[in-house]
Structure formats: C-alpha cells, structure tokens
Amino acid sequence: MVSTLSKGDGCVLPAIAVCWLADDPQPGIVLVELVDAHGRPHQLVGKSAYFGVGELLPTSPYPCPTSIQCQVEDINDDLATVKTADWLTGGPDHIPFAFDVYLDILVPTDHLPPII
C-alpha cells in the first residue's frame, strides 16, 4: 500500500479511551492508551476535547475507540514517527509526545493538530 502521508502532514492516530477520570477542568479528563510499533504501551491523560473530536463524554461506554491528532515527523519504510499537538505534552519542558507507529494505521487529515 502506498501512503498518501508525507513528513509534516497532519494525521489521526487510533487509540483507546480507557476511562473518564474527572469532570474538572472542563470539558473533563480522560485516560487514553495506545501501543506503538515496538509493542510499547503508552498512556496519555488530557482533556476529552483533545481526543476524538469531542466524541468522549462521562457516559461513553469505556473502553472505547478514539483518536489523537498528530503530525508526521518522519517516515521510514512502513514506520512513521508522529508527534502530538503542542497541547498534549509532558515533562517540565512541555515536549510533545512522539511515537513510532505503523504507517498503515494513520488516517490523513487536511489539518494539523491545533496549537493552543
């Protein structure tokens, strides 16, 4: 399969919303998990609006599928390195998360992750 994604493109990375953690701060906090191409699990915690374009609610049937908006940093054969938007960061330096994932699971999008 030939990818339509290139370095710098926006994409959607599939993930699983595991549970609703808190109602505050609004619109609520969720725990999201994914497994990278190397089999390493990752957990992300953030506002529900950061994942799946507003589809996550406290009453959603957890666990449930969701997605993470990302940007392609690099492509090497069938692997892509993607980074999360600037609003989904970690550590004291607020660095976006980066994951190596299989290129064929990414869905191209015509917009980049929002910068908040």
PDB file of N, CA and C in Angstrom:
ATOM      1  N   MET A   1       0.836  -1.177   0.000  1.00  0.00           N
ATOM      2  CA  MET A   1       0.000   0.000   0.000  1.00  0.00           C
ATOM      3  C   MET A   1       0.882   1.242   0.000  1.00  0.00           C
ATOM      4  N   VAL A   2       0.608   2.175  -0.890  1.00  0.00           N
ATOM      5  CA  VAL A   2       1.370   3.409  -0.974  1.00  0.00           C
ATOM      6  C   VAL A   2       0.713   4.441  -0.074  1.00  0.00           C
ATOM      7  N   SER A   3       1.494   5.056   0.796  1.00  0.00           N
ATOM      8  CA  SER A   3       0.955   6.028   1.730  1.00  0.00           C
ATOM      9  C   SER A   3       0.759   7.379   1.050  1.00  0.00           C
ATOM     10  N   THR A   4      -0.284   8.066   1.455  1.00  0.00           N
ATOM     11  CA  THR A   4      -0.505   9.421   0.987  1.00  0.00           C
ATOM     12  C   THR A   4       0.061  10.435   1.966  1.00  0.00           C
ATOM     13  N   LEU A   5       0.685   9.958   3.032  1.00  0.00           N
ATOM     14  CA  LEU A   5       1.246  10.844   4.044  1.00  0.00           C
ATOM     15  C   LEU A   5       2.704  11.148   3.751  1.00  0.00           C
ATOM     16  N   SER A   6       3.089  12.374   4.077  1.00  0.00           N
ATOM     17  CA  SER A   6       4.472  12.814   3.946  1.00  0.00           C
ATOM     18  C   SER A   6       4.883  13.532   5.219  1.00  0.00           C
ATOM     19  N   LYS A   7       6.160  13.748   5.369  1.00  0.00           N
ATOM     20  CA  LYS A   7       6.686  14.474   6.522  1.00  0.00           C
ATOM     21  C   LYS A   7       6.013  15.839   6.608  1.00  0.00           C
ATOM     22  N   GLY A   8       5.540  16.164   7.817  1.00  0.00           N
ATOM     23  CA  GLY A   8       4.868  17.434   8.052  1.00  0.00           C
ATOM     24  C   GLY A   8       3.360  17.381   7.940  1.00  0.00           C
ATOM     25  N   ASP A   9       2.808  16.294   7.410  1.00  0.00           N
ATOM     26  CA  ASP A   9       1.356  16.173   7.250  1.00  0.00           C
ATOM     27  C   ASP A   9       0.659  15.929   8.582  1.00  0.00           C
ATOM     28  N   GLY A  10      -0.584  16.370   8.658  1.00  0.00           N
ATOM     29  CA  GLY A  10      -1.434  16.058   9.790  1.00  0.00           C
ATOM     30  C   GLY A  10      -2.041  14.686   9.613  1.00  0.00           C
ATOM     31  N   CYS A  11      -2.265  13.987  10.726  1.00  0.00           N
ATOM     32  CA  CYS A  11      -2.862  12.656  10.667  1.00  0.00           C
ATOM     33  C   CYS A  11      -3.605  12.367  11.957  1.00  0.00           C
ATOM     34  N   VAL A  12      -4.384  11.295  11.920  1.00  0.00           N
ATOM     35  CA  VAL A  12      -5.136  10.846  13.083  1.00  0.00           C
ATOM     36  C   VAL A  12      -4.605   9.475  13.475  1.00  0.00           C
ATOM     37  N   LEU A  13      -4.220   9.331  14.735  1.00  0.00           N
ATOM     38  CA  LEU A  13      -3.683   8.092  15.288  1.00  0.00           C
ATOM     39  C   LEU A  13      -4.763   7.407  16.120  1.00  0.00           C
ATOM     40  N   PRO A  14      -5.172   6.189  15.775  1.00  0.00           N
ATOM     41  CA  PRO A  14      -6.170   5.478  16.578  1.00  0.00           C
ATOM     42  C   PRO A  14      -5.642   5.173  17.988  1.00  0.00           C
ATOM     43  N   ALA A  15      -6.549   5.213  18.949  1.00  0.00           N
ATOM     44  CA  ALA A  15      -6.213   4.919  20.344  1.00  0.00           C
ATOM     45  C   ALA A  15      -7.477   4.404  21.038  1.00  0.00           C
ATOM     46  N   ILE A  16      -7.333   4.055  22.304  1.00  0.00           N
ATOM     47  CA  ILE A  16      -8.461   3.576  23.111  1.00  0.00           C
ATOM     48  C   ILE A  16      -8.615   4.493  24.323  1.00  0.00           C
ATOM     49  N   ALA A  17      -9.810   5.054  24.475  1.00  0.00           N
ATOM     50  CA  ALA A  17     -10.139   5.811  25.680  1.00  0.00           C
ATOM     51  C   ALA A  17     -10.502   4.783  26.749  1.00  0.00           C
ATOM     52  N   VAL A  18      -9.720   4.740  27.818  1.00  0.00           N
ATOM     53  CA  VAL A  18      -9.880   3.708  28.841  1.00  0.00           C
ATOM     54  C   VAL A  18     -10.918   4.089  29.890  1.00  0.00           C
ATOM     55  N   CYS A  19     -10.855   5.328  30.360  1.00  0.00           N
ATOM     56  CA  CYS A  19     -11.815   5.750  31.380  1.00  0.00           C
ATOM     57  C   CYS A  19     -11.865   7.264  31.500  1.00  0.00           C
ATOM     58  N   TRP A  20     -12.979   7.730  32.010  1.00  0.00           N
ATOM     59  CA  TRP A  20     -13.179   9.135  32.348  1.00  0.00           C
ATOM     60  C   TRP A  20     -12.591   9.324  33.739  1.00  0.00           C
ATOM     61  N   LEU A  21     -11.693  10.292  33.907  1.00  0.00           N
ATOM     62  CA  LEU A  21     -11.014  10.463  35.192  1.00  0.00           C
ATOM     63  C   LEU A  21     -11.621  11.545  36.071  1.00  0.00           C
ATOM     64  N   ALA A  22     -12.059  12.653  35.456  1.00  0.00           N
ATOM     65  CA  ALA A  22     -12.579  13.761  36.264  1.00  0.00           C
ATOM     66  C   ALA A  22     -13.416  14.691  35.387  1.00  0.00           C
ATOM     67  N   ASP A  23     -14.377  15.366  36.024  1.00  0.00           N
ATOM     68  CA  ASP A  23     -15.202  16.336  35.313  1.00  0.00           C
ATOM     69  C   ASP A  23     -14.530  17.698  35.218  1.00  0.00           C
ATOM     70  N   ASP A  24     -13.620  17.980  36.115  1.00  0.00           N
ATOM     71  CA  ASP A  24     -12.910  19.263  36.115  1.00  0.00           C
ATOM     72  C   ASP A  24     -11.431  19.037  35.893  1.00  0.00           C
ATOM     73  N   PRO A  25     -10.757  19.896  35.153  1.00  0.00           N
ATOM     74  CA  PRO A  25     -11.305  21.073  34.480  1.00  0.00           C
ATOM     75  C   PRO A  25     -12.138  20.671  33.275  1.00  0.00           C
ATOM     76  N   GLN A  26     -13.067  21.546  32.938  1.00  0.00           N
ATOM     77  CA  GLN A  26     -13.950  21.303  31.805  1.00  0.00           C
ATOM     78  C   GLN A  26     -13.148  21.216  30.526  1.00  0.00           C
ATOM     79  N   PRO A  27     -13.474  20.378  29.597  1.00  0.00           N
ATOM     80  CA  PRO A  27     -14.675  19.559  29.489  1.00  0.00           C
ATOM     81  C   PRO A  27     -14.540  18.187  30.124  1.00  0.00           C
ATOM     82  N   GLY A  28     -13.530  17.950  30.932  1.00  0.00           N
ATOM     83  CA  GLY A  28     -13.334  16.659  31.579  1.00  0.00           C
ATOM     84  C   GLY A  28     -12.030  16.013  31.147  1.00  0.00           C
ATOM     85  N   ILE A  29     -11.515  15.122  31.996  1.00  0.00           N
ATOM     86  CA  ILE A  29     -10.215  14.487  31.778  1.00  0.00           C
ATOM     87  C   ILE A  29     -10.412  12.991  31.525  1.00  0.00           C
ATOM     88  N   VAL A  30      -9.705  12.478  30.507  1.00  0.00           N
ATOM     89  CA  VAL A  30      -9.782  11.061  30.166  1.00  0.00           C
ATOM     90  C   VAL A  30      -8.390  10.444  30.107  1.00  0.00           C
ATOM     91  N   LEU A  31      -8.355   9.125  30.275  1.00  0.00           N
ATOM     92  CA  LEU A  31      -7.138   8.330  30.121  1.00  0.00           C
ATOM     93  C   LEU A  31      -7.237   7.606  28.787  1.00  0.00           C
ATOM     94  N   VAL A  32      -6.215   7.779  27.947  1.00  0.00           N
ATOM     95  CA  VAL A  32      -6.185   7.180  26.617  1.00  0.00           C
ATOM     96  C   VAL A  32      -4.927   6.330  26.496  1.00  0.00           C
ATOM     97  N   GLU A  33      -5.051   5.167  25.869  1.00  0.00           N
ATOM     98  CA  GLU A  33      -3.910   4.267  25.689  1.00  0.00           C
ATOM     99  C   GLU A  33      -3.710   3.935  24.220  1.00  0.00           C
ATOM    100  N   LEU A  34      -2.441   3.647  23.885  1.00  0.00           N
ATOM    101  CA  LEU A  34      -2.094   3.141  22.565  1.00  0.00           C
ATOM    102  C   LEU A  34      -0.845   2.294  22.708  1.00  0.00           C
ATOM    103  N   VAL A  35      -0.590   1.481  21.699  1.00  0.00           N
ATOM    104  CA  VAL A  35       0.615   0.665  21.660  1.00  0.00           C
ATOM    105  C   VAL A  35       1.369   1.064  20.404  1.00  0.00           C
ATOM    106  N   ASP A  36       2.676   1.371  20.549  1.00  0.00           N
ATOM    107  CA  ASP A  36       3.453   1.804  19.393  1.00  0.00           C
ATOM    108  C   ASP A  36       3.917   0.609  18.564  1.00  0.00           C
ATOM    109  N   ALA A  37       4.638   0.881  17.487  1.00  0.00           N
ATOM    110  CA  ALA A  37       5.077  -0.168  16.559  1.00  0.00           C
ATOM    111  C   ALA A  37       6.072  -1.132  17.194  1.00  0.00           C
ATOM    112  N   HIS A  38       6.669  -0.747  18.314  1.00  0.00           N
ATOM    113  CA  HIS A  38       7.634  -1.595  19.007  1.00  0.00           C
ATOM    114  C   HIS A  38       6.991  -2.401  20.132  1.00  0.00           C
ATOM    115  N   GLY A  39       5.660  -2.310  20.233  1.00  0.00           N
ATOM    116  CA  GLY A  39       4.935  -3.051  21.255  1.00  0.00           C
ATOM    117  C   GLY A  39       4.912  -2.384  22.611  1.00  0.00           C
ATOM    118  N   ARG A  40       5.386  -1.151  22.701  1.00  0.00           N
ATOM    119  CA  ARG A  40       5.403  -0.428  23.985  1.00  0.00           C
ATOM    120  C   ARG A  40       4.068   0.265  24.214  1.00  0.00           C
ATOM    121  N   PRO A  41       3.478   0.059  25.388  1.00  0.00           N
ATOM    122  CA  PRO A  41       2.219   0.750  25.701  1.00  0.00           C
ATOM    123  C   PRO A  41       2.490   2.188  26.137  1.00  0.00           C
ATOM    124  N   HIS A  42       1.551   3.061  25.829  1.00  0.00           N
ATOM    125  CA  HIS A  42       1.632   4.470  26.234  1.00  0.00           C
ATOM    126  C   HIS A  42       0.283   4.887  26.783  1.00  0.00           C
ATOM    127  N   GLN A  43       0.309   5.706  27.825  1.00  0.00           N
ATOM    128  CA  GLN A  43      -0.909   6.263  28.399  1.00  0.00           C
ATOM    129  C   GLN A  43      -0.817   7.782  28.339  1.00  0.00           C
ATOM    130  N   LEU A  44      -1.888   8.402  27.874  1.00  0.00           N
ATOM    131  CA  LEU A  44      -1.976   9.852  27.803  1.00  0.00           C
ATOM    132  C   LEU A  44      -3.180  10.296  28.612  1.00  0.00           C
ATOM    133  N   VAL A  45      -3.029  11.361  29.364  1.00  0.00           N
ATOM    134  CA  VAL A  45      -4.127  11.929  30.135  1.00  0.00           C
ATOM    135  C   VAL A  45      -4.315  13.364  29.661  1.00  0.00           C
ATOM    136  N   GLY A  46      -5.546  13.698  29.339  1.00  0.00           N
ATOM    137  CA  GLY A  46      -5.808  15.053  28.875  1.00  0.00           C
ATOM    138  C   GLY A  46      -7.293  15.336  28.818  1.00  0.00           C
ATOM    139  N   LYS A  47      -7.602  16.579  28.452  1.00  0.00           N
ATOM    140  CA  LYS A  47      -8.997  16.974  28.310  1.00  0.00           C
ATOM    141  C   LYS A  47      -9.657  16.144  27.215  1.00  0.00           C
ATOM    142  N   SER A  48     -10.899  15.805  27.437  1.00  0.00           N
ATOM    143  CA  SER A  48     -11.613  14.957  26.478  1.00  0.00           C
ATOM    144  C   SER A  48     -11.648  15.572  25.085  1.00  0.00           C
ATOM    145  N   ALA A  49     -11.643  16.883  24.993  1.00  0.00           N
ATOM    146  CA  ALA A  49     -11.675  17.556  23.688  1.00  0.00           C
ATOM    147  C   ALA A  49     -10.403  17.331  22.889  1.00  0.00           C
ATOM    148  N   TYR A  50      -9.328  16.912  23.544  1.00  0.00           N
ATOM    149  CA  TYR A  50      -8.063  16.656  22.854  1.00  0.00           C
ATOM    150  C   TYR A  50      -8.108  15.364  22.047  1.00  0.00           C
ATOM    151  N   PHE A  51      -9.063  14.513  22.347  1.00  0.00           N
ATOM    152  CA  PHE A  51      -9.130  13.191  21.728  1.00  0.00           C
ATOM    153  C   PHE A  51     -10.444  13.031  20.980  1.00  0.00           C
ATOM    154  N   GLY A  52     -10.381  12.444  19.811  1.00  0.00           N
ATOM    155  CA  GLY A  52     -11.574  12.029  19.094  1.00  0.00           C
ATOM    156  C   GLY A  52     -12.571  13.089  18.705  1.00  0.00           C
ATOM    157  N   VAL A  53     -12.167  14.311  18.617  1.00  0.00           N
ATOM    158  CA  VAL A  53     -13.021  15.397  18.150  1.00  0.00           C
ATOM    159  C   VAL A  53     -14.357  15.454  18.910  1.00  0.00           C
ATOM    160  N   GLY A  54     -14.289  15.545  20.219  1.00  0.00           N
ATOM    161  CA  GLY A  54     -15.474  15.753  21.031  1.00  0.00           C
ATOM    162  C   GLY A  54     -16.400  14.572  21.213  1.00  0.00           C
ATOM    163  N   GLU A  55     -15.972  13.371  20.881  1.00  0.00           N
ATOM    164  CA  GLU A  55     -16.852  12.206  20.990  1.00  0.00           C
ATOM    165  C   GLU A  55     -16.872  11.591  22.386  1.00  0.00           C
ATOM    166  N   LEU A  56     -15.955  11.984  23.272  1.00  0.00           N
ATOM    167  CA  LEU A  56     -15.861  11.365  24.598  1.00  0.00           C
ATOM    168  C   LEU A  56     -16.660  12.148  25.628  1.00  0.00           C
ATOM    169  N   LEU A  57     -17.503  11.425  26.365  1.00  0.00           N
ATOM    170  CA  LEU A  57     -18.345  12.003  27.411  1.00  0.00           C
ATOM    171  C   LEU A  57     -18.223  11.145  28.663  1.00  0.00           C
ATOM    172  N   PRO A  58     -18.630  11.660  29.816  1.00  0.00           N
ATOM    173  CA  PRO A  58     -18.588  10.831  31.032  1.00  0.00           C
ATOM    174  C   PRO A  58     -19.436   9.569  30.888  1.00  0.00           C
ATOM    175  N   THR A  59     -20.468   9.610  30.059  1.00  0.00           N
ATOM    176  CA  THR A  59     -21.373   8.473  29.882  1.00  0.00           C
ATOM    177  C   THR A  59     -20.973   7.553  28.734  1.00  0.00           C
ATOM    178  N   SER A  60     -19.852   7.834  28.066  1.00  0.00           N
ATOM    179  CA  SER A  60     -19.396   6.964  26.970  1.00  0.00           C
ATOM    180  C   SER A  60     -19.114   5.566  27.507  1.00  0.00           C
ATOM    181  N   PRO A  61     -19.271   4.536  26.688  1.00  0.00           N
ATOM    182  CA  PRO A  61     -19.027   3.154  27.139  1.00  0.00           C
ATOM    183  C   PRO A  61     -17.525   2.820  27.122  1.00  0.00           C
ATOM    184  N   TYR A  62     -16.857   3.051  28.223  1.00  0.00           N
ATOM    185  CA  TYR A  62     -15.407   2.807  28.302  1.00  0.00           C
ATOM    186  C   TYR A  62     -15.122   1.342  28.544  1.00  0.00           C
ATOM    187  N   PRO A  63     -14.038   0.811  27.961  1.00  0.00           N
ATOM    188  CA  PRO A  63     -13.147   1.434  26.991  1.00  0.00           C
ATOM    189  C   PRO A  63     -13.830   1.574  25.636  1.00  0.00           C
ATOM    190  N   CYS A  64     -13.398   2.606  24.878  1.00  0.00           N
ATOM    191  CA  CYS A  64     -13.977   2.846  23.558  1.00  0.00           C
ATOM    192  C   CYS A  64     -12.917   3.429  22.630  1.00  0.00           C
ATOM    193  N   PRO A  65     -13.095   3.223  21.333  1.00  0.00           N
ATOM    194  CA  PRO A  65     -12.128   3.758  20.379  1.00  0.00           C
ATOM    195  C   PRO A  65     -12.160   5.279  20.357  1.00  0.00           C
ATOM    196  N   THR A  66     -11.004   5.873  20.138  1.00  0.00           N
ATOM    197  CA  THR A  66     -10.881   7.311  19.973  1.00  0.00           C
ATOM    198  C   THR A  66      -9.690   7.566  19.058  1.00  0.00           C
ATOM    199  N   SER A  67      -9.245   8.787  18.998  1.00  0.00           N
ATOM    200  CA  SER A  67      -8.103   9.111  18.147  1.00  0.00           C
ATOM    201  C   SER A  67      -7.343  10.299  18.710  1.00  0.00           C
ATOM    202  N   ILE A  68      -6.125  10.456  18.207  1.00  0.00           N
ATOM    203  CA  ILE A  68      -5.247  11.544  18.623  1.00  0.00           C
ATOM    204  C   ILE A  68      -4.756  12.249  17.363  1.00  0.00           C
ATOM    205  N   GLN A  69      -4.952  13.556  17.293  1.00  0.00           N
ATOM    206  CA  GLN A  69      -4.425  14.307  16.155  1.00  0.00           C
ATOM    207  C   GLN A  69      -2.920  14.442  16.319  1.00  0.00           C
ATOM    208  N   CYS A  70      -2.193  14.145  15.252  1.00  0.00           N
ATOM    209  CA  CYS A  70      -0.732  14.172  15.272  1.00  0.00           C
ATOM    210  C   CYS A  70      -0.193  14.812  13.999  1.00  0.00           C
ATOM    211  N   GLN A  71       1.109  14.966  13.978  1.00  0.00           N
ATOM    212  CA  GLN A  71       1.816  15.438  12.788  1.00  0.00           C
ATOM    213  C   GLN A  71       2.935  14.460  12.487  1.00  0.00           C
ATOM    214  N   VAL A  72       3.101  14.108  11.213  1.00  0.00           N
ATOM    215  CA  VAL A  72       4.147  13.183  10.800  1.00  0.00           C
ATOM    216  C   VAL A  72       5.500  13.889  10.885  1.00  0.00           C
ATOM    217  N   GLU A  73       6.399  13.316  11.673  1.00  0.00           N
ATOM    218  CA  GLU A  73       7.751  13.855  11.812  1.00  0.00           C
ATOM    219  C   GLU A  73       8.721  13.204  10.837  1.00  0.00           C
ATOM    220  N   ASP A  74       8.518  11.906  10.587  1.00  0.00           N
ATOM    221  CA  ASP A  74       9.424  11.177   9.706  1.00  0.00           C
ATOM    222  C   ASP A  74       8.731   9.904   9.232  1.00  0.00           C
ATOM    223  N   ILE A  75       9.134   9.426   8.072  1.00  0.00           N
ATOM    224  CA  ILE A  75       8.641   8.160   7.542  1.00  0.00           C
ATOM    225  C   ILE A  75       9.843   7.343   7.110  1.00  0.00           C
ATOM    226  N   ASN A  76       9.886   6.094   7.577  1.00  0.00           N
ATOM    227  CA  ASN A  76      10.972   5.182   7.239  1.00  0.00           C
ATOM    228  C   ASN A  76      10.345   3.831   6.903  1.00  0.00           C
ATOM    229  N   ASP A  77      10.254   3.533   5.614  1.00  0.00           N
ATOM    230  CA  ASP A  77       9.593   2.315   5.126  1.00  0.00           C
ATOM    231  C   ASP A  77       8.143   2.290   5.602  1.00  0.00           C
ATOM    232  N   ASP A  78       7.769   1.288   6.434  1.00  0.00           N
ATOM    233  CA  ASP A  78       6.382   1.186   6.879  1.00  0.00           C
ATOM    234  C   ASP A  78       6.145   1.796   8.254  1.00  0.00           C
ATOM    235  N   LEU A  79       7.142   2.511   8.802  1.00  0.00           N
ATOM    236  CA  LEU A  79       7.005   3.164  10.098  1.00  0.00           C
ATOM    237  C   LEU A  79       6.960   4.677   9.946  1.00  0.00           C
ATOM    238  N   ALA A  80       6.134   5.300  10.762  1.00  0.00           N
ATOM    239  CA  ALA A  80       6.070   6.759  10.817  1.00  0.00           C
ATOM    240  C   ALA A  80       6.324   7.191  12.250  1.00  0.00           C
ATOM    241  N   THR A  81       7.092   8.239  12.415  1.00  0.00           N
ATOM    242  CA  THR A  81       7.233   8.880  13.710  1.00  0.00           C
ATOM    243  C   THR A  81       6.274  10.053  13.709  1.00  0.00           C
ATOM    244  N   VAL A  82       5.350  10.052  14.673  1.00  0.00           N
ATOM    245  CA  VAL A  82       4.372  11.124  14.780  1.00  0.00           C
ATOM    246  C   VAL A  82       4.526  11.804  16.131  1.00  0.00           C
ATOM    247  N   LYS A  83       4.168  13.089  16.171  1.00  0.00           N
ATOM    248  CA  LYS A  83       4.187  13.807  17.443  1.00  0.00           C
ATOM    249  C   LYS A  83       2.811  14.391  17.686  1.00  0.00           C
ATOM    250  N   THR A  84       2.475  14.512  18.959  1.00  0.00           N
ATOM    251  CA  THR A  84       1.190  15.065  19.341  1.00  0.00           C
ATOM    252  C   THR A  84       1.231  16.581  19.215  1.00  0.00           C
ATOM    253  N   ALA A  85       0.065  17.171  19.303  1.00  0.00           N
ATOM    254  CA  ALA A  85      -0.057  18.625  19.254  1.00  0.00           C
ATOM    255  C   ALA A  85       0.610  19.258  20.480  1.00  0.00           C
ATOM    256  N   ASP A  86       0.861  20.524  20.384  1.00  0.00           N
ATOM    257  CA  ASP A  86       1.518  21.241  21.478  1.00  0.00           C
ATOM    258  C   ASP A  86       0.711  21.249  22.769  1.00  0.00           C
ATOM    259  N   TRP A  87      -0.617  21.021  22.697  1.00  0.00           N
ATOM    260  CA  TRP A  87      -1.422  20.998  23.912  1.00  0.00           C
ATOM    261  C   TRP A  87      -1.336  19.679  24.649  1.00  0.00           C
ATOM    262  N   LEU A  88      -0.774  18.663  24.015  1.00  0.00           N
ATOM    263  CA  LEU A  88      -0.651  17.351  24.642  1.00  0.00           C
ATOM    264  C   LEU A  88       0.832  17.055  24.797  1.00  0.00           C
ATOM    265  N   THR A  89       1.393  17.546  25.915  1.00  0.00           N
ATOM    266  CA  THR A  89       2.832  17.491  26.136  1.00  0.00           C
ATOM    267  C   THR A  89       3.137  16.865  27.484  1.00  0.00           C
ATOM    268  N   GLY A  90       4.424  16.633  27.729  1.00  0.00           N
ATOM    269  CA  GLY A  90       4.825  16.058  29.001  1.00  0.00           C
ATOM    270  C   GLY A  90       6.155  16.597  29.475  1.00  0.00           C
ATOM    271  N   GLY A  91       6.432  16.343  30.733  1.00  0.00           N
ATOM    272  CA  GLY A  91       7.704  16.753  31.311  1.00  0.00           C
ATOM    273  C   GLY A  91       7.764  18.233  31.627  1.00  0.00           C
ATOM    274  N   PRO A  92       8.832  18.616  32.301  1.00  0.00           N
ATOM    275  CA  PRO A  92       8.957  20.024  32.709  1.00  0.00           C
ATOM    276  C   PRO A  92       9.134  20.971  31.518  1.00  0.00           C
ATOM    277  N   ASP A  93       9.578  20.457  30.386  1.00  0.00           N
ATOM    278  CA  ASP A  93       9.784  21.309  29.213  1.00  0.00           C
ATOM    279  C   ASP A  93       8.595  21.293  28.260  1.00  0.00           C
ATOM    280  N   HIS A  94       7.514  20.618  28.637  1.00  0.00           N
ATOM    281  CA  HIS A  94       6.292  20.537  27.828  1.00  0.00           C
ATOM    282  C   HIS A  94       6.600  20.122  26.388  1.00  0.00           C
ATOM    283  N   ILE A  95       7.248  18.982  26.245  1.00  0.00           N
ATOM    284  CA  ILE A  95       7.630  18.447  24.944  1.00  0.00           C
ATOM    285  C   ILE A  95       6.502  17.573  24.416  1.00  0.00           C
ATOM    286  N   PRO A  96       6.099  17.766  23.140  1.00  0.00           N
ATOM    287  CA  PRO A  96       5.069  16.878  22.571  1.00  0.00           C
ATOM    288  C   PRO A  96       5.526  15.426  22.624  1.00  0.00           C
ATOM    289  N   PHE A  97       4.573  14.521  22.806  1.00  0.00           N
ATOM    290  CA  PHE A  97       4.871  13.097  22.798  1.00  0.00           C
ATOM    291  C   PHE A  97       5.145  12.665  21.363  1.00  0.00           C
ATOM    292  N   ALA A  98       6.056  11.726  21.185  1.00  0.00           N
ATOM    293  CA  ALA A  98       6.364  11.193  19.855  1.00  0.00           C
ATOM    294  C   ALA A  98       6.292   9.676  19.912  1.00  0.00           C
ATOM    295  N   PHE A  99       5.741   9.080  18.854  1.00  0.00           N
ATOM    296  CA  PHE A  99       5.561   7.639  18.790  1.00  0.00           C
ATOM    297  C   PHE A  99       5.965   7.141  17.417  1.00  0.00           C
ATOM    298  N   ASP A 100       6.564   5.956  17.376  1.00  0.00           N
ATOM    299  CA  ASP A 100       6.770   5.244  16.120  1.00  0.00           C
ATOM    300  C   ASP A 100       5.570   4.325  15.950  1.00  0.00           C
ATOM    301  N   VAL A 101       4.854   4.489  14.858  1.00  0.00           N
ATOM    302  CA  VAL A 101       3.669   3.681  14.599  1.00  0.00           C
ATOM    303  C   VAL A 101       3.713   3.176  13.160  1.00  0.00           C
ATOM    304  N   TYR A 102       2.945   2.132  12.899  1.00  0.00           N
ATOM    305  CA  TYR A 102       2.867   1.644  11.526  1.00  0.00           C
ATOM    306  C   TYR A 102       2.093   2.649  10.685  1.00  0.00           C
ATOM    307  N   LEU A 103       2.651   2.950   9.554  1.00  0.00           N
ATOM    308  CA  LEU A 103       2.099   3.953   8.656  1.00  0.00           C
ATOM    309  C   LEU A 103       0.668   3.636   8.253  1.00  0.00           C
ATOM    310  N   ASP A 104       0.346   2.356   8.095  1.00  0.00           N
ATOM    311  CA  ASP A 104      -0.981   2.000   7.588  1.00  0.00           C
ATOM    312  C   ASP A 104      -2.113   2.178   8.600  1.00  0.00           C
ATOM    313  N   ILE A 105      -1.806   2.499   9.862  1.00  0.00           N
ATOM    314  CA  ILE A 105      -2.890   2.753  10.819  1.00  0.00           C
ATOM    315  C   ILE A 105      -3.261   4.228  10.874  1.00  0.00           C
ATOM    316  N   LEU A 106      -2.445   5.089  10.280  1.00  0.00           N
ATOM    317  CA  LEU A 106      -2.695   6.526  10.321  1.00  0.00           C
ATOM    318  C   LEU A 106      -3.713   6.927   9.264  1.00  0.00           C
ATOM    319  N   VAL A 107      -4.552   7.875   9.629  1.00  0.00           N
ATOM    320  CA  VAL A 107      -5.542   8.410   8.710  1.00  0.00           C
ATOM    321  C   VAL A 107      -5.137   9.845   8.388  1.00  0.00           C
ATOM    322  N   PRO A 108      -4.927  10.153   7.113  1.00  0.00           N
ATOM    323  CA  PRO A 108      -4.567  11.527   6.752  1.00  0.00           C
ATOM    324  C   PRO A 108      -5.688  12.503   7.119  1.00  0.00           C
ATOM    325  N   THR A 109      -5.321  13.693   7.491  1.00  0.00           N
ATOM    326  CA  THR A 109      -6.282  14.751   7.744  1.00  0.00           C
ATOM    327  C   THR A 109      -5.767  16.002   7.056  1.00  0.00           C
ATOM    328  N   ASP A 110      -6.671  16.859   6.683  1.00  0.00           N
ATOM    329  CA  ASP A 110      -6.257  18.053   5.954  1.00  0.00           C
ATOM    330  C   ASP A 110      -5.914  19.213   6.862  1.00  0.00           C
ATOM    331  N   HIS A 111      -5.799  18.929   8.162  1.00  0.00           N
ATOM    332  CA  HIS A 111      -5.365  19.987   9.072  1.00  0.00           C
ATOM    333  C   HIS A 111      -4.377  19.425  10.073  1.00  0.00           C
ATOM    334  N   LEU A 112      -3.524  20.287  10.560  1.00  0.00           N
ATOM    335  CA  LEU A 112      -2.529  19.906  11.560  1.00  0.00           C
ATOM    336  C   LEU A 112      -3.148  19.996  12.941  1.00  0.00           C
ATOM    337  N   PRO A 113      -2.527  19.351  13.926  1.00  0.00           N
ATOM    338  CA  PRO A 113      -3.040  19.487  15.289  1.00  0.00           C
ATOM    339  C   PRO A 113      -3.071  20.946  15.706  1.00  0.00           C
ATOM    340  N   PRO A 114      -4.093  21.350  16.441  1.00  0.00           N
ATOM    341  CA  PRO A 114      -4.166  22.758  16.860  1.00  0.00           C
ATOM    342  C   PRO A 114      -3.047  23.100  17.825  1.00  0.00           C
ATOM    343  N   ILE A 115      -2.612  24.327  17.759  1.00  0.00           N
ATOM    344  CA  ILE A 115      -1.604  24.839  18.703  1.00  0.00           C
ATOM    345  C   ILE A 115      -2.349  25.719  19.683  1.00  0.00           C
ATOM    346  N   ILE A 116      -2.339  25.303  20.967  1.00  0.00           N
ATOM    347  CA  ILE A 116      -3.073  26.045  21.997  1.00  0.00           C
ATOM    348  C   ILE A 116      -2.082  26.662  22.957  1.00  0.00           C
TER     349      ILE A 116
END
